Amino acid sequence: MTLDYSEPHLEIVTPTFEDNQELFGFLKHLHGYVESNLGEDLLWNYSMPPRFKRKYIKLPPHRDVNSTK
């Protein structure tokens, strides 16, 4: 596989805050926005992908992505 696992990951970045409550409020608002726009997608809060049983893993047919054809 040539795609990096982390490419589709969402990274939430905040500005700096002097007050923790302001930061938490900002994060709560931002999380709500993200969640309301995900559709059927899910947020995965761990750095490693989940372990699935092999029967649930559907790999596309192999093709040479470096091919010049």
N, C-alpha and C. Protein backbone atom coordinates (compact mmCIF):
# COMPACT_ATOMS: atom_id res chain seq x y z
N MET A 1 0.85 -1.17 0.00
CA MET A 1 0.00 0.00 0.00
C MET A 1 0.89 1.23 0.00
N THR A 2 0.47 2.22 -0.73
CA THR A 2 1.29 3.42 -0.82
C THR A 2 0.67 4.61 -0.10
N LEU A 3 -0.54 4.46 0.38
CA LEU A 3 -1.17 5.57 1.10
C LEU A 3 -0.83 5.52 2.58
N ASP A 4 -0.56 6.66 3.13
CA ASP A 4 -0.27 6.76 4.55
C ASP A 4 -1.57 6.69 5.33
N TYR A 5 -1.58 5.92 6.41
CA TYR A 5 -2.78 5.78 7.24
C TYR A 5 -3.30 7.12 7.71
N SER A 6 -2.42 8.05 8.01
CA SER A 6 -2.84 9.30 8.64
C SER A 6 -3.40 10.33 7.66
N GLU A 7 -3.33 10.10 6.36
CA GLU A 7 -3.80 11.10 5.41
C GLU A 7 -5.25 11.53 5.62
N PRO A 8 -6.17 10.61 5.90
CA PRO A 8 -7.55 11.05 6.05
C PRO A 8 -7.90 11.54 7.45
N HIS A 9 -6.93 11.60 8.33
CA HIS A 9 -7.22 12.00 9.71
C HIS A 9 -7.49 13.49 9.82
N LEU A 10 -8.46 13.80 10.61
CA LEU A 10 -8.81 15.18 10.90
C LEU A 10 -7.94 15.68 12.04
N GLU A 11 -7.37 16.82 11.87
CA GLU A 11 -6.57 17.43 12.94
C GLU A 11 -7.26 18.71 13.37
N ILE A 12 -7.63 18.78 14.63
CA ILE A 12 -8.31 19.97 15.16
C ILE A 12 -7.26 20.85 15.83
N VAL A 13 -7.13 22.08 15.34
CA VAL A 13 -6.14 23.01 15.85
C VAL A 13 -6.86 24.20 16.47
N THR A 14 -6.40 24.62 17.61
CA THR A 14 -7.02 25.76 18.30
C THR A 14 -6.02 26.91 18.40
N PRO A 15 -6.54 28.12 18.49
CA PRO A 15 -5.65 29.23 18.83
C PRO A 15 -5.25 29.11 20.30
N THR A 16 -4.33 29.93 20.73
CA THR A 16 -3.95 29.91 22.15
C THR A 16 -5.00 30.66 22.97
N PHE A 17 -5.17 30.23 24.20
CA PHE A 17 -6.11 30.86 25.12
C PHE A 17 -5.42 31.07 26.46
N GLU A 18 -5.74 32.16 27.10
CA GLU A 18 -5.24 32.41 28.46
C GLU A 18 -6.07 31.66 29.49
N ASP A 19 -7.33 31.44 29.15
CA ASP A 19 -8.27 30.84 30.09
C ASP A 19 -8.69 29.45 29.62
N ASN A 20 -8.58 28.46 30.49
CA ASN A 20 -8.95 27.09 30.13
C ASN A 20 -10.41 26.96 29.75
N GLN A 21 -11.29 27.69 30.42
CA GLN A 21 -12.72 27.59 30.11
C GLN A 21 -13.01 28.09 28.70
N GLU A 22 -12.30 29.14 28.27
CA GLU A 22 -12.47 29.62 26.89
C GLU A 22 -12.01 28.55 25.90
N LEU A 23 -10.89 27.92 26.21
CA LEU A 23 -10.38 26.84 25.35
C LEU A 23 -11.40 25.70 25.26
N PHE A 24 -11.91 25.27 26.40
CA PHE A 24 -12.88 24.17 26.41
C PHE A 24 -14.15 24.55 25.64
N GLY A 25 -14.59 25.79 25.78
CA GLY A 25 -15.76 26.27 25.03
C GLY A 25 -15.51 26.25 23.53
N PHE A 26 -14.32 26.70 23.14
CA PHE A 26 -13.95 26.70 21.73
C PHE A 26 -13.93 25.27 21.19
N LEU A 27 -13.29 24.36 21.93
CA LEU A 27 -13.22 22.96 21.51
C LEU A 27 -14.61 22.33 21.43
N LYS A 28 -15.46 22.65 22.39
CA LYS A 28 -16.82 22.10 22.38
C LYS A 28 -17.57 22.57 21.13
N HIS A 29 -17.45 23.85 20.82
CA HIS A 29 -18.10 24.40 19.62
C HIS A 29 -17.53 23.76 18.36
N LEU A 30 -16.20 23.66 18.28
CA LEU A 30 -15.55 23.09 17.11
C LEU A 30 -15.90 21.62 16.94
N HIS A 31 -15.92 20.89 18.03
CA HIS A 31 -16.28 19.47 17.97
C HIS A 31 -17.72 19.31 17.50
N GLY A 32 -18.62 20.15 17.98
CA GLY A 32 -20.01 20.11 17.54
C GLY A 32 -20.14 20.37 16.05
N TYR A 33 -19.37 21.33 15.55
CA TYR A 33 -19.39 21.64 14.12
C TYR A 33 -18.91 20.44 13.31
N VAL A 34 -17.79 19.87 13.73
CA VAL A 34 -17.24 18.71 13.02
C VAL A 34 -18.23 17.56 13.04
N GLU A 35 -18.76 17.26 14.22
CA GLU A 35 -19.68 16.13 14.37
C GLU A 35 -20.93 16.31 13.50
N SER A 36 -21.43 17.53 13.40
CA SER A 36 -22.65 17.77 12.61
C SER A 36 -22.39 17.70 11.11
N ASN A 37 -21.13 17.70 10.69
CA ASN A 37 -20.79 17.65 9.27
C ASN A 37 -20.14 16.35 8.83
N LEU A 38 -20.10 15.35 9.70
CA LEU A 38 -19.45 14.09 9.37
C LEU A 38 -20.28 13.17 8.49
N GLY A 39 -21.58 13.33 8.52
CA GLY A 39 -22.42 12.39 7.79
C GLY A 39 -22.34 11.03 8.44
N GLU A 40 -22.03 10.01 7.64
CA GLU A 40 -21.92 8.65 8.17
C GLU A 40 -20.50 8.30 8.62
N ASP A 41 -19.56 9.23 8.45
CA ASP A 41 -18.19 8.98 8.88
C ASP A 41 -18.09 9.03 10.40
N LEU A 42 -17.02 8.47 10.92
CA LEU A 42 -16.78 8.44 12.36
C LEU A 42 -15.46 9.09 12.70
N LEU A 43 -15.38 9.66 13.89
CA LEU A 43 -14.10 10.14 14.40
C LEU A 43 -13.43 9.01 15.16
N TRP A 44 -12.17 8.76 14.87
CA TRP A 44 -11.40 7.73 15.58
C TRP A 44 -10.38 8.46 16.43
N ASN A 45 -10.50 8.36 17.74
CA ASN A 45 -9.67 9.17 18.63
C ASN A 45 -8.37 8.51 19.05
N TYR A 46 -8.00 7.42 18.42
CA TYR A 46 -6.74 6.76 18.76
C TYR A 46 -5.77 6.92 17.59
N SER A 47 -4.50 6.75 17.85
CA SER A 47 -3.51 6.94 16.79
C SER A 47 -3.34 5.72 15.91
N MET A 48 -3.86 4.59 16.31
CA MET A 48 -3.75 3.37 15.50
C MET A 48 -5.13 2.98 14.98
N PRO A 49 -5.18 2.40 13.77
CA PRO A 49 -6.48 1.98 13.26
C PRO A 49 -7.04 0.83 14.08
N PRO A 50 -8.36 0.67 14.09
CA PRO A 50 -8.95 -0.43 14.85
C PRO A 50 -8.62 -1.78 14.22
N ARG A 51 -8.71 -2.83 14.99
CA ARG A 51 -8.49 -4.18 14.46
C ARG A 51 -9.84 -4.74 14.01
N PHE A 52 -9.92 -5.12 12.76
CA PHE A 52 -11.13 -5.70 12.20
C PHE A 52 -10.88 -7.17 11.88
N LYS A 53 -11.95 -7.94 11.92
CA LYS A 53 -11.85 -9.32 11.47
C LYS A 53 -11.64 -9.31 9.95
N ARG A 54 -10.85 -10.26 9.47
CA ARG A 54 -10.49 -10.29 8.06
C ARG A 54 -11.70 -10.25 7.13
N LYS A 55 -12.80 -10.85 7.53
CA LYS A 55 -13.98 -10.89 6.64
C LYS A 55 -14.57 -9.50 6.41
N TYR A 56 -14.24 -8.53 7.26
CA TYR A 56 -14.75 -7.17 7.10
C TYR A 56 -13.81 -6.27 6.32
N ILE A 57 -12.62 -6.75 6.00
CA ILE A 57 -11.63 -5.94 5.30
C ILE A 57 -11.76 -6.19 3.81
N LYS A 58 -12.07 -5.15 3.07
CA LYS A 58 -12.21 -5.26 1.62
C LYS A 58 -11.09 -4.46 0.97
N LEU A 59 -10.10 -5.16 0.44
CA LEU A 59 -8.99 -4.51 -0.23
C LEU A 59 -9.28 -4.41 -1.72
N PRO A 60 -8.97 -3.27 -2.32
CA PRO A 60 -9.16 -3.15 -3.77
C PRO A 60 -8.14 -4.01 -4.51
N PRO A 61 -8.41 -4.31 -5.78
CA PRO A 61 -7.43 -5.08 -6.55
C PRO A 61 -6.10 -4.32 -6.60
N HIS A 62 -5.01 -5.07 -6.57
CA HIS A 62 -3.69 -4.44 -6.60
C HIS A 62 -3.42 -3.86 -7.98
N ARG A 63 -2.87 -2.67 -8.01
CA ARG A 63 -2.42 -2.08 -9.27
C ARG A 63 -1.12 -1.36 -8.97
N ASP A 64 -0.29 -1.26 -9.96
CA ASP A 64 1.01 -0.61 -9.80
C ASP A 64 0.81 0.90 -9.90
N VAL A 65 0.82 1.58 -8.78
CA VAL A 65 0.57 3.03 -8.78
C VAL A 65 1.75 3.80 -9.34
N ASN A 66 2.90 3.14 -9.47
CA ASN A 66 4.07 3.80 -10.03
C ASN A 66 4.23 3.52 -11.52
N SER A 67 3.27 2.83 -12.09
CA SER A 67 3.33 2.49 -13.50
C SER A 67 3.17 3.73 -14.36
N THR A 68 3.89 3.78 -15.47
CA THR A 68 3.79 4.93 -16.38
C THR A 68 2.79 4.69 -17.49
N LYS A 69 2.08 3.57 -17.45
CA LYS A 69 1.10 3.27 -18.50
C LYS A 69 -0.13 4.11 -18.34
